[in-house]
Amino acid sequence: MVCADWPPASYTPDTRTATLSLAIDATNEVNGALKFLPGSHLEKRVWPHVPLGKSREDSHAIAIDFDEAAHPGVVMAKLGRGDVSIHNEYIVHGSGGNLSKGHRRTYVLAFRTEETIALERRAGFTHSHNDKTNWDTFREWQSGEADAKQKQLA
């Protein structure tokens, strides 16, 4: 499942986030509407993420290792133009590519603390296409290498 999220909770201890997605265009199965796994937020865990592409130019998105076929409860949030979906950081969510000839424009607002955003940027995580991504640093945090480096510095 493809989503835009953040580094592991071991590096970003305050994962509190409320994300609001405003559909500029109606969403559906063909243009890649957002999907959710109901109840997954009850585990209160942030799933490990990996970059979807090889570089910033290749892809802005990150993904989790998630077999949708193994989770028959996944639901699609088909939104009309102007509709909104809101979710927290723990719900498994994501979308596929836009296979239609039209647009799937969405305005996304993710509400987090300033401290969390600063930590994430230092980890190489990007919050927008205006940020610079450092995938090497991001992969260090994914593998746990960053935690080991932090302990050495302490």
N, C-alpha and C. Protein backbone atom coordinates (compact mmCIF):
# COMPACT_ATOMS: atom_id res chain seq x y z
N MET A 1 0.85 -1.16 0.00
CA MET A 1 0.00 0.00 0.00
C MET A 1 0.90 1.23 0.00
N VAL A 2 0.63 2.15 -0.86
CA VAL A 2 1.45 3.36 -0.99
C VAL A 2 0.85 4.46 -0.15
N CYS A 3 1.69 5.14 0.59
CA CYS A 3 1.22 6.26 1.39
C CYS A 3 2.34 7.26 1.59
N ALA A 4 1.99 8.38 2.14
CA ALA A 4 2.99 9.37 2.51
C ALA A 4 2.99 9.43 4.02
N ASP A 5 4.07 9.07 4.63
CA ASP A 5 4.12 9.02 6.07
C ASP A 5 5.47 9.51 6.56
N TRP A 6 6.02 8.96 7.63
CA TRP A 6 7.23 9.49 8.24
C TRP A 6 8.17 8.40 8.70
N PRO A 7 9.35 8.80 9.22
CA PRO A 7 10.31 7.83 9.75
C PRO A 7 9.75 7.04 10.93
N PRO A 8 10.45 5.98 11.34
CA PRO A 8 9.98 5.12 12.42
C PRO A 8 9.74 5.88 13.72
N ALA A 9 8.84 5.37 14.54
CA ALA A 9 8.52 6.00 15.82
C ALA A 9 9.73 6.03 16.75
N SER A 10 10.71 5.14 16.53
CA SER A 10 11.91 5.16 17.37
C SER A 10 12.67 6.47 17.20
N TYR A 11 12.53 7.10 16.03
CA TYR A 11 13.18 8.38 15.81
C TYR A 11 12.21 9.54 16.03
N THR A 12 10.96 9.34 15.70
CA THR A 12 9.94 10.37 15.86
C THR A 12 9.02 9.92 16.99
N PRO A 13 9.41 10.19 18.24
CA PRO A 13 8.64 9.65 19.36
C PRO A 13 7.22 10.20 19.45
N ASP A 14 7.00 11.42 19.00
CA ASP A 14 5.66 12.00 19.04
C ASP A 14 5.03 11.85 17.66
N THR A 15 4.31 10.76 17.46
CA THR A 15 3.73 10.47 16.15
C THR A 15 2.34 11.07 15.98
N ARG A 16 1.86 11.81 16.98
CA ARG A 16 0.50 12.35 16.88
C ARG A 16 0.33 13.17 15.61
N THR A 17 -0.61 12.74 14.80
CA THR A 17 -0.89 13.41 13.53
C THR A 17 -2.36 13.28 13.20
N ALA A 18 -2.93 14.36 12.72
CA ALA A 18 -4.27 14.31 12.15
C ALA A 18 -4.12 14.76 10.71
N THR A 19 -4.54 13.94 9.78
CA THR A 19 -4.39 14.25 8.35
C THR A 19 -5.78 14.47 7.74
N LEU A 20 -5.90 15.58 7.05
CA LEU A 20 -7.13 15.94 6.36
C LEU A 20 -6.84 15.94 4.86
N SER A 21 -7.64 15.22 4.09
CA SER A 21 -7.49 15.17 2.64
C SER A 21 -8.75 15.74 1.99
N LEU A 22 -8.60 16.81 1.26
CA LEU A 22 -9.70 17.47 0.57
C LEU A 22 -9.65 17.09 -0.90
N ALA A 23 -10.70 16.45 -1.39
CA ALA A 23 -10.75 16.02 -2.79
C ALA A 23 -11.07 17.21 -3.68
N ILE A 24 -10.12 17.61 -4.49
CA ILE A 24 -10.34 18.66 -5.49
C ILE A 24 -11.11 18.06 -6.66
N ASP A 25 -10.79 16.81 -6.96
CA ASP A 25 -11.51 16.04 -7.98
C ASP A 25 -12.12 14.82 -7.29
N ALA A 26 -13.23 14.34 -7.82
CA ALA A 26 -13.84 13.12 -7.28
C ALA A 26 -12.84 11.97 -7.40
N THR A 27 -12.85 11.06 -6.42
CA THR A 27 -11.94 9.92 -6.45
C THR A 27 -12.73 8.63 -6.61
N ASN A 28 -12.09 7.66 -7.26
CA ASN A 28 -12.73 6.36 -7.49
C ASN A 28 -11.65 5.31 -7.67
N GLU A 29 -12.06 4.10 -7.96
CA GLU A 29 -11.10 2.99 -8.09
C GLU A 29 -10.11 3.22 -9.22
N VAL A 30 -10.55 3.79 -10.32
CA VAL A 30 -9.69 3.97 -11.49
C VAL A 30 -8.64 5.06 -11.26
N ASN A 31 -9.02 6.15 -10.59
CA ASN A 31 -8.05 7.22 -10.41
C ASN A 31 -7.32 7.15 -9.07
N GLY A 32 -7.45 6.03 -8.37
CA GLY A 32 -6.63 5.79 -7.18
C GLY A 32 -7.15 6.40 -5.90
N ALA A 33 -8.41 6.20 -5.59
CA ALA A 33 -8.98 6.71 -4.34
C ALA A 33 -8.23 6.15 -3.14
N LEU A 34 -8.20 6.91 -2.06
CA LEU A 34 -7.56 6.50 -0.82
C LEU A 34 -8.27 5.26 -0.26
N LYS A 35 -7.46 4.32 0.26
CA LYS A 35 -8.00 3.11 0.88
C LYS A 35 -7.57 3.07 2.34
N PHE A 36 -8.41 2.45 3.16
CA PHE A 36 -8.13 2.32 4.59
C PHE A 36 -8.37 0.88 5.03
N LEU A 37 -7.67 0.46 6.08
CA LEU A 37 -7.94 -0.82 6.73
C LEU A 37 -8.62 -0.51 8.06
N PRO A 38 -9.95 -0.58 8.10
CA PRO A 38 -10.68 -0.25 9.32
C PRO A 38 -10.18 -1.06 10.52
N GLY A 39 -10.06 -0.40 11.64
CA GLY A 39 -9.62 -1.05 12.87
C GLY A 39 -8.12 -1.14 13.04
N SER A 40 -7.35 -0.89 11.98
CA SER A 40 -5.88 -1.01 12.09
C SER A 40 -5.30 0.03 13.05
N HIS A 41 -6.01 1.11 13.28
CA HIS A 41 -5.54 2.14 14.21
C HIS A 41 -5.54 1.65 15.66
N LEU A 42 -6.28 0.59 15.94
CA LEU A 42 -6.37 0.10 17.31
C LEU A 42 -5.06 -0.52 17.80
N GLU A 43 -4.20 -0.96 16.86
CA GLU A 43 -2.90 -1.52 17.23
C GLU A 43 -1.95 -0.45 17.75
N LYS A 44 -2.23 0.81 17.41
CA LYS A 44 -1.39 1.96 17.81
C LYS A 44 0.08 1.73 17.46
N ARG A 45 0.29 1.38 16.20
CA ARG A 45 1.67 1.23 15.72
C ARG A 45 1.78 1.86 14.34
N VAL A 46 2.94 2.42 14.09
CA VAL A 46 3.24 2.97 12.78
C VAL A 46 4.01 1.89 12.02
N TRP A 47 3.47 1.45 10.90
CA TRP A 47 4.11 0.39 10.12
C TRP A 47 5.40 0.89 9.49
N PRO A 48 6.41 0.01 9.34
CA PRO A 48 7.66 0.41 8.68
C PRO A 48 7.39 0.82 7.23
N HIS A 49 8.06 1.87 6.79
CA HIS A 49 7.89 2.41 5.44
C HIS A 49 9.21 2.33 4.68
N VAL A 50 9.11 2.21 3.37
CA VAL A 50 10.28 2.22 2.50
C VAL A 50 9.99 3.15 1.32
N PRO A 51 11.03 3.79 0.76
CA PRO A 51 10.80 4.63 -0.42
C PRO A 51 10.26 3.78 -1.57
N LEU A 52 9.30 4.31 -2.29
CA LEU A 52 8.72 3.60 -3.42
C LEU A 52 9.64 3.65 -4.64
N GLY A 53 10.32 4.76 -4.82
CA GLY A 53 11.21 4.91 -5.96
C GLY A 53 12.66 4.89 -5.55
N LYS A 54 13.53 5.02 -6.55
CA LYS A 54 14.97 5.01 -6.30
C LYS A 54 15.51 6.38 -5.94
N SER A 55 14.78 7.43 -6.33
CA SER A 55 15.24 8.79 -6.06
C SER A 55 14.06 9.72 -5.95
N ARG A 56 14.32 10.93 -5.55
CA ARG A 56 13.30 11.98 -5.43
C ARG A 56 12.62 12.22 -6.77
N GLU A 57 13.41 12.20 -7.82
CA GLU A 57 12.87 12.43 -9.15
C GLU A 57 12.00 11.26 -9.60
N ASP A 58 12.33 10.07 -9.11
CA ASP A 58 11.60 8.86 -9.48
C ASP A 58 10.23 8.80 -8.80
N SER A 59 10.19 9.12 -7.49
CA SER A 59 8.92 9.04 -6.76
C SER A 59 9.02 9.77 -5.43
N HIS A 60 7.98 10.48 -5.09
CA HIS A 60 7.89 11.17 -3.80
C HIS A 60 7.31 10.25 -2.73
N ALA A 61 6.63 9.20 -3.15
CA ALA A 61 5.87 8.35 -2.23
C ALA A 61 6.73 7.32 -1.52
N ILE A 62 6.21 6.86 -0.39
CA ILE A 62 6.79 5.74 0.33
C ILE A 62 5.67 4.71 0.51
N ALA A 63 6.05 3.48 0.87
CA ALA A 63 5.06 2.41 0.95
C ALA A 63 5.35 1.51 2.14
N ILE A 64 4.34 0.72 2.50
CA ILE A 64 4.52 -0.32 3.51
C ILE A 64 4.37 -1.67 2.83
N ASP A 65 4.94 -2.70 3.45
CA ASP A 65 4.80 -4.06 2.94
C ASP A 65 3.42 -4.54 3.40
N PHE A 66 2.46 -4.53 2.51
CA PHE A 66 1.08 -4.82 2.87
C PHE A 66 0.42 -5.60 1.75
N ASP A 67 -0.02 -6.80 2.06
CA ASP A 67 -0.72 -7.63 1.07
C ASP A 67 -2.21 -7.39 1.23
N GLU A 68 -2.76 -6.58 0.33
CA GLU A 68 -4.17 -6.21 0.42
C GLU A 68 -5.08 -7.43 0.35
N ALA A 69 -4.68 -8.45 -0.39
CA ALA A 69 -5.50 -9.66 -0.51
C ALA A 69 -5.63 -10.39 0.83
N ALA A 70 -4.65 -10.24 1.70
CA ALA A 70 -4.68 -10.88 3.01
C ALA A 70 -5.55 -10.12 4.00
N HIS A 71 -6.02 -8.95 3.61
CA HIS A 71 -6.86 -8.11 4.48
C HIS A 71 -8.14 -7.75 3.74
N PRO A 72 -9.12 -8.66 3.74
CA PRO A 72 -10.34 -8.43 2.95
C PRO A 72 -11.18 -7.25 3.43
N GLY A 73 -10.85 -6.66 4.58
CA GLY A 73 -11.63 -5.55 5.10
C GLY A 73 -11.25 -4.19 4.57
N VAL A 74 -10.26 -4.11 3.68
CA VAL A 74 -9.84 -2.81 3.16
C VAL A 74 -11.01 -2.15 2.44
N VAL A 75 -11.22 -0.86 2.75
CA VAL A 75 -12.30 -0.11 2.11
C VAL A 75 -11.74 1.07 1.33
N MET A 76 -12.42 1.41 0.27
CA MET A 76 -12.01 2.54 -0.56
C MET A 76 -12.86 3.74 -0.18
N ALA A 77 -12.20 4.87 0.01
CA ALA A 77 -12.90 6.12 0.34
C ALA A 77 -13.16 6.89 -0.95
N LYS A 78 -14.23 6.52 -1.62
CA LYS A 78 -14.60 7.24 -2.85
C LYS A 78 -15.18 8.58 -2.42
N LEU A 79 -14.50 9.64 -2.81
CA LEU A 79 -14.90 10.97 -2.40
C LEU A 79 -15.40 11.77 -3.59
N GLY A 80 -16.44 12.56 -3.35
CA GLY A 80 -16.89 13.51 -4.35
C GLY A 80 -16.04 14.76 -4.29
N ARG A 81 -16.08 15.56 -5.31
CA ARG A 81 -15.34 16.81 -5.32
C ARG A 81 -15.79 17.64 -4.11
N GLY A 82 -14.81 18.08 -3.31
CA GLY A 82 -15.11 18.87 -2.12
C GLY A 82 -15.28 18.05 -0.86
N ASP A 83 -15.35 16.71 -0.97
CA ASP A 83 -15.45 15.85 0.22
C ASP A 83 -14.11 15.80 0.93
N VAL A 84 -14.15 15.42 2.20
CA VAL A 84 -12.95 15.38 3.04
C VAL A 84 -12.87 14.04 3.74
N SER A 85 -11.66 13.51 3.86
CA SER A 85 -11.42 12.36 4.74
C SER A 85 -10.41 12.82 5.79
N ILE A 86 -10.58 12.31 6.99
CA ILE A 86 -9.68 12.66 8.10
C ILE A 86 -9.27 11.36 8.77
N HIS A 87 -7.97 11.24 9.06
CA HIS A 87 -7.51 10.04 9.76
C HIS A 87 -6.31 10.36 10.64
N ASN A 88 -6.03 9.44 11.56
CA ASN A 88 -4.86 9.62 12.42
C ASN A 88 -3.69 8.81 11.89
N GLU A 89 -2.56 8.88 12.60
CA GLU A 89 -1.32 8.28 12.12
C GLU A 89 -1.30 6.76 12.14
N TYR A 90 -2.17 6.13 12.90
CA TYR A 90 -2.10 4.69 13.05
C TYR A 90 -2.92 3.91 12.02
N ILE A 91 -3.85 4.52 11.36
CA ILE A 91 -4.69 3.78 10.42
C ILE A 91 -3.87 3.41 9.17
N VAL A 92 -3.91 2.16 8.77
CA VAL A 92 -3.24 1.76 7.54
C VAL A 92 -4.02 2.37 6.39
N HIS A 93 -3.33 3.13 5.55
CA HIS A 93 -3.99 3.84 4.46
C HIS A 93 -3.03 4.01 3.29
N GLY A 94 -3.59 4.28 2.15
CA GLY A 94 -2.76 4.52 0.97
C GLY A 94 -3.62 4.51 -0.28
N SER A 95 -2.99 4.73 -1.40
CA SER A 95 -3.72 4.75 -2.67
C SER A 95 -2.83 4.21 -3.78
N GLY A 96 -3.48 3.79 -4.84
CA GLY A 96 -2.74 3.34 -6.01
C GLY A 96 -2.54 4.48 -6.98
N GLY A 97 -1.98 4.19 -8.09
CA GLY A 97 -1.76 5.20 -9.11
C GLY A 97 -3.05 5.60 -9.82
N ASN A 98 -3.00 6.72 -10.47
CA ASN A 98 -4.13 7.21 -11.24
C ASN A 98 -4.07 6.58 -12.63
N LEU A 99 -4.98 5.65 -12.92
CA LEU A 99 -5.01 4.96 -14.19
C LEU A 99 -6.01 5.59 -15.17
N SER A 100 -6.62 6.68 -14.76
CA SER A 100 -7.60 7.35 -15.61
C SER A 100 -6.90 8.38 -16.50
N LYS A 101 -7.66 8.96 -17.41
CA LYS A 101 -7.12 10.03 -18.25
C LYS A 101 -7.34 11.39 -17.61
N GLY A 102 -8.03 11.42 -16.47
CA GLY A 102 -8.31 12.67 -15.78
C GLY A 102 -7.39 12.89 -14.59
N HIS A 103 -7.73 13.91 -13.82
CA HIS A 103 -6.95 14.26 -12.63
C HIS A 103 -7.48 13.56 -11.39
N ARG A 104 -6.62 13.46 -10.40
CA ARG A 104 -7.00 13.11 -9.03
C ARG A 104 -6.23 14.06 -8.13
N ARG A 105 -6.72 15.26 -8.05
CA ARG A 105 -6.04 16.27 -7.23
C ARG A 105 -6.62 16.26 -5.83
N THR A 106 -5.72 16.29 -4.85
CA THR A 106 -6.11 16.27 -3.45
C THR A 106 -5.24 17.26 -2.70
N TYR A 107 -5.86 18.03 -1.84
CA TYR A 107 -5.11 18.95 -0.97
C TYR A 107 -5.01 18.28 0.39
N VAL A 108 -3.78 18.02 0.84
CA VAL A 108 -3.56 17.29 2.08
C VAL A 108 -2.94 18.20 3.14
N LEU A 109 -3.54 18.18 4.32
CA LEU A 109 -3.00 18.89 5.48
C LEU A 109 -2.70 17.86 6.56
N ALA A 110 -1.47 17.83 7.03
CA ALA A 110 -1.10 16.93 8.12
C ALA A 110 -0.70 17.80 9.31
N PHE A 111 -1.42 17.67 10.38
CA PHE A 111 -1.17 18.48 11.56
C PHE A 111 -0.29 17.71 12.52
N ARG A 112 0.93 18.25 12.77
CA ARG A 112 1.91 17.67 13.69
C ARG A 112 2.55 18.80 14.47
N THR A 113 3.31 18.43 15.50
CA THR A 113 4.02 19.45 16.27
C THR A 113 5.23 19.94 15.48
N GLU A 114 5.66 21.17 15.75
CA GLU A 114 6.85 21.72 15.08
C GLU A 114 8.08 20.87 15.38
N GLU A 115 8.17 20.39 16.64
CA GLU A 115 9.32 19.57 17.02
C GLU A 115 9.37 18.28 16.19
N THR A 116 8.23 17.66 15.97
CA THR A 116 8.17 16.43 15.17
C THR A 116 8.61 16.70 13.74
N ILE A 117 8.14 17.78 13.15
CA ILE A 117 8.52 18.12 11.79
C ILE A 117 10.03 18.36 11.69
N ALA A 118 10.60 19.05 12.67
CA ALA A 118 12.04 19.30 12.67
C ALA A 118 12.82 18.00 12.75
N LEU A 119 12.40 17.07 13.62
CA LEU A 119 13.06 15.76 13.73
C LEU A 119 12.98 14.99 12.42
N GLU A 120 11.81 15.00 11.82
CA GLU A 120 11.62 14.26 10.57
C GLU A 120 12.48 14.82 9.45
N ARG A 121 12.59 16.12 9.35
CA ARG A 121 13.43 16.73 8.31
C ARG A 121 14.90 16.38 8.53
N ARG A 122 15.34 16.35 9.79
CA ARG A 122 16.72 15.95 10.07
C ARG A 122 16.95 14.50 9.69
N ALA A 123 15.89 13.68 9.73
CA ALA A 123 16.00 12.26 9.37
C ALA A 123 15.97 12.06 7.87
N GLY A 124 15.77 13.13 7.11
CA GLY A 124 15.75 12.99 5.66
C GLY A 124 14.36 12.81 5.10
N PHE A 125 13.34 12.87 5.96
CA PHE A 125 11.98 12.70 5.48
C PHE A 125 11.47 14.01 4.87
N THR A 126 10.74 13.89 3.80
CA THR A 126 10.21 15.06 3.11
C THR A 126 8.72 15.24 3.42
N HIS A 127 8.30 16.48 3.56
CA HIS A 127 6.91 16.79 3.82
C HIS A 127 6.22 17.36 2.59
N SER A 128 6.98 17.72 1.60
CA SER A 128 6.38 18.26 0.38
C SER A 128 7.40 18.16 -0.74
N HIS A 129 6.97 18.45 -1.93
CA HIS A 129 7.88 18.43 -3.06
C HIS A 129 8.88 19.59 -3.00
N ASN A 130 8.70 20.48 -2.05
CA ASN A 130 9.63 21.59 -1.88
C ASN A 130 10.77 21.23 -0.94
N ASP A 131 10.63 20.14 -0.20
CA ASP A 131 11.69 19.68 0.69
C ASP A 131 12.68 18.82 -0.08
N LYS A 132 13.90 18.74 0.42
CA LYS A 132 14.90 17.88 -0.19
C LYS A 132 14.92 16.54 0.56
N THR A 133 14.81 15.44 -0.16
CA THR A 133 14.81 14.11 0.43
C THR A 133 16.22 13.56 0.46
N ASN A 134 16.60 12.97 1.57
CA ASN A 134 17.86 12.27 1.67
C ASN A 134 17.52 10.80 1.95
N TRP A 135 17.38 10.00 0.88
CA TRP A 135 16.96 8.61 1.04
C TRP A 135 17.98 7.80 1.82
N ASP A 136 19.28 8.13 1.72
CA ASP A 136 20.28 7.37 2.49
C ASP A 136 20.02 7.53 3.98
N THR A 137 19.77 8.76 4.41
CA THR A 137 19.48 9.00 5.82
C THR A 137 18.18 8.32 6.22
N PHE A 138 17.18 8.41 5.35
CA PHE A 138 15.89 7.76 5.64
C PHE A 138 16.08 6.26 5.82
N ARG A 139 16.86 5.63 4.94
CA ARG A 139 17.08 4.18 5.03
C ARG A 139 17.85 3.82 6.31
N GLU A 140 18.74 4.70 6.76
CA GLU A 140 19.43 4.46 8.03
C GLU A 140 18.43 4.35 9.17
N TRP A 141 17.45 5.24 9.18
CA TRP A 141 16.45 5.20 10.23
C TRP A 141 15.58 3.96 10.10
N GLN A 142 15.27 3.56 8.87
CA GLN A 142 14.47 2.35 8.66
C GLN A 142 15.19 1.12 9.19
N SER A 143 16.49 1.04 8.98
CA SER A 143 17.24 -0.16 9.35
C SER A 143 17.64 -0.19 10.81
N GLY A 144 17.48 0.93 11.50
CA GLY A 144 17.89 0.99 12.90
C GLY A 144 19.30 1.50 13.09
N GLU A 145 20.02 1.73 11.98
CA GLU A 145 21.39 2.24 12.08
C GLU A 145 21.41 3.58 12.79
N ALA A 146 20.41 4.40 12.56
CA ALA A 146 20.37 5.73 13.18
C ALA A 146 20.25 5.62 14.69
N ASP A 147 19.45 4.65 15.17
CA ASP A 147 19.32 4.46 16.62
C ASP A 147 20.66 4.11 17.23
N ALA A 148 21.42 3.24 16.56
CA ALA A 148 22.75 2.86 17.06
C ALA A 148 23.68 4.07 17.10
N LYS A 149 23.63 4.89 16.06
CA LYS A 149 24.47 6.10 16.01
C LYS A 149 24.09 7.07 17.12
N GLN A 150 22.79 7.22 17.38
CA GLN A 150 22.33 8.11 18.44
C GLN A 150 22.82 7.62 19.79
N LYS A 151 22.79 6.31 20.03
CA LYS A 151 23.26 5.76 21.31
C LYS A 151 24.75 5.98 21.49
N GLN A 152 25.51 5.90 20.39
CA GLN A 152 26.96 6.13 20.47
C GLN A 152 27.25 7.57 20.84
N LEU A 153 26.43 8.49 20.37
CA LEU A 153 26.63 9.92 20.66
C LEU A 153 26.21 10.29 22.07
N ALA A 154 25.34 9.49 22.68
CA ALA A 154 24.81 9.81 24.03
C ALA A 154 25.82 9.58 25.11
